Protein backbone atom coordinates (compact mmCIF):
# COMPACT_ATOMS: atom_id res chain seq x y z
CA MET A 1 -7.79 5.54 15.81
CA LYS A 2 -6.93 4.89 12.93
CA PRO A 3 -9.05 2.06 10.98
CA GLU A 4 -7.09 -1.50 10.62
CA GLU A 5 -6.73 -2.78 7.30
CA PRO A 6 -7.04 -6.24 6.63
CA LYS A 7 -3.70 -8.37 6.71
CA LEU A 8 -3.92 -9.80 3.20
CA LYS A 9 -5.02 -6.68 1.63
CA LYS A 10 -1.62 -6.10 0.05
CA VAL A 11 -1.42 -9.44 -1.47
CA VAL A 12 -4.95 -8.93 -2.76
CA ASN A 13 -3.98 -5.68 -4.97
CA ALA A 14 -0.67 -7.36 -5.90
CA ALA A 15 -2.82 -10.51 -7.38
CA ASP A 16 -4.66 -7.81 -8.92
CA GLY A 17 -2.24 -6.60 -10.92
CA LEU A 18 -1.05 -9.67 -11.62
CA SER A 19 -3.91 -11.72 -12.42
CA LEU A 20 -4.57 -9.14 -16.32
CA GLY A 21 -1.29 -10.81 -17.47
CA ILE A 22 -1.94 -14.54 -16.07
CA SER A 23 -5.57 -14.06 -17.71
CA ILE A 24 -3.80 -13.38 -21.47
CA VAL A 25 -1.46 -16.43 -20.52
CA VAL A 26 -4.27 -18.86 -19.88
CA ALA A 27 -6.50 -17.53 -22.54
CA ILE A 28 -4.17 -17.85 -25.36
CA LEU A 29 -3.19 -21.55 -23.84
CA ILE A 30 -7.03 -22.52 -23.96
CA GLY A 31 -7.49 -21.26 -27.49
CA VAL A 32 -4.14 -23.13 -28.41
CA GLY A 33 -6.19 -26.35 -26.54
CA ILE A 34 -9.60 -25.59 -28.23
CA GLY A 35 -7.73 -25.72 -31.44
CA LEU A 36 -5.63 -28.92 -30.94
CA GLY A 37 -8.96 -30.54 -29.49
CA LEU A 38 -10.66 -29.31 -32.94
CA GLN A 39 -7.65 -30.56 -34.97
CA LYS A 40 -7.90 -34.18 -33.42
CA LEU A 41 -11.83 -34.07 -34.09
CA THR A 42 -11.58 -33.07 -37.35
CA GLY A 43 -8.55 -34.25 -38.68
CA ILE A 44 -7.37 -30.72 -40.58
CA MET A 45 -4.43 -29.35 -39.78
CA TRP A 46 -5.51 -25.54 -39.55
CA THR A 47 -8.44 -26.08 -37.38
CA LEU A 48 -5.89 -25.40 -34.68
CA TRP A 49 -5.07 -21.89 -35.73
CA ILE A 50 -9.02 -21.01 -35.68
CA GLY A 51 -8.38 -22.06 -31.59
CA VAL A 52 -5.61 -19.74 -31.79
CA PHE A 53 -7.16 -17.08 -33.26
CA ILE A 54 -10.07 -17.38 -30.29
CA GLY A 55 -7.60 -17.18 -27.60
CA VAL A 56 -6.07 -13.94 -28.85
CA GLY A 57 -8.98 -12.70 -29.06
CA ALA A 58 -10.12 -13.49 -25.62
CA ALA A 59 -6.86 -11.82 -24.30
CA ILE A 60 -7.59 -9.17 -26.30
CA SER A 61 -10.97 -9.06 -24.32
CA ASN A 62 -9.58 -9.36 -21.24
CA VAL A 63 -6.85 -6.29 -21.76
CA TYR A 64 -10.19 -3.92 -22.84
CA LYS A 65 -12.08 -5.14 -19.82
CA ALA A 66 -9.12 -4.33 -17.63
CA TYR A 67 -8.38 -0.96 -19.10
CA ALA A 68 -12.46 -0.03 -18.79
CA LYS A 69 -12.24 -0.86 -15.28
CA GLN A 70 -8.96 1.02 -14.51
CA LYS A 71 -10.26 3.70 -17.00
CA SER A 72 -13.93 4.26 -14.89
CA SER A 73 -11.82 4.37 -11.56
CA LEU A 74 -9.83 7.02 -12.58
CA ASP A 75 -12.29 8.91 -13.38
CA GLU A 76 -14.38 8.76 -10.14
CA LEU A 77 -11.28 10.48 -8.87
CA ALA A 78 -11.11 12.99 -11.55
CA ASN A 79 -14.51 14.19 -10.76
CA ASP A 80 -13.98 13.79 -6.87
CA PRO A 81 -13.68 17.25 -5.57
CA ARG A 82 -10.92 17.00 -3.55
CA TYR A 83 -8.89 16.24 -6.26
CA LYS A 84 -10.04 19.68 -8.64
CA TYR A 85 -7.69 22.80 -8.87
CA LYS A 86 -9.72 25.72 -9.14
CA ALA A 87 -7.54 28.46 -7.45
CA GLY A 88 -5.82 30.94 -9.60
CA TYR A 89 -6.46 28.80 -12.76
CA LYS A 90 -5.67 31.61 -15.77
CA ASP A 91 -7.29 30.77 -19.68
CA ASP A 92 -4.64 31.32 -22.07
CA GLU A 93 -7.00 33.38 -23.92
CA ASP A 94 -6.53 36.09 -21.11
CA GLU A 95 -2.56 36.08 -21.40
CA ASP A 96 -2.74 36.86 -25.37
CA GLU A 97 -5.05 39.46 -25.21
CA LYS A 98 -2.68 41.74 -22.50
CA TYR A 99 0.05 41.92 -25.54
């Protein structure tokens, strides 16, 4: 008997894929909001750019975290013995020595 998958599993997996794009946009928008708040608080025009740089930095951080999570997941699969290829593997150096 095959175990049943949760009804919303496909939706959760799709939302996980979309979350990176949404988090980039949200991080930049929050950074712009911080910059606008600093601008209104201080009255200096260039403080908006501080917020923009904070938002872009947060977006880059989110991309790196997603990359690290995906890489660790793929490394687990690479180390899984079910996916290793063992039979009949020849080294390229062995073929060069024959000639």
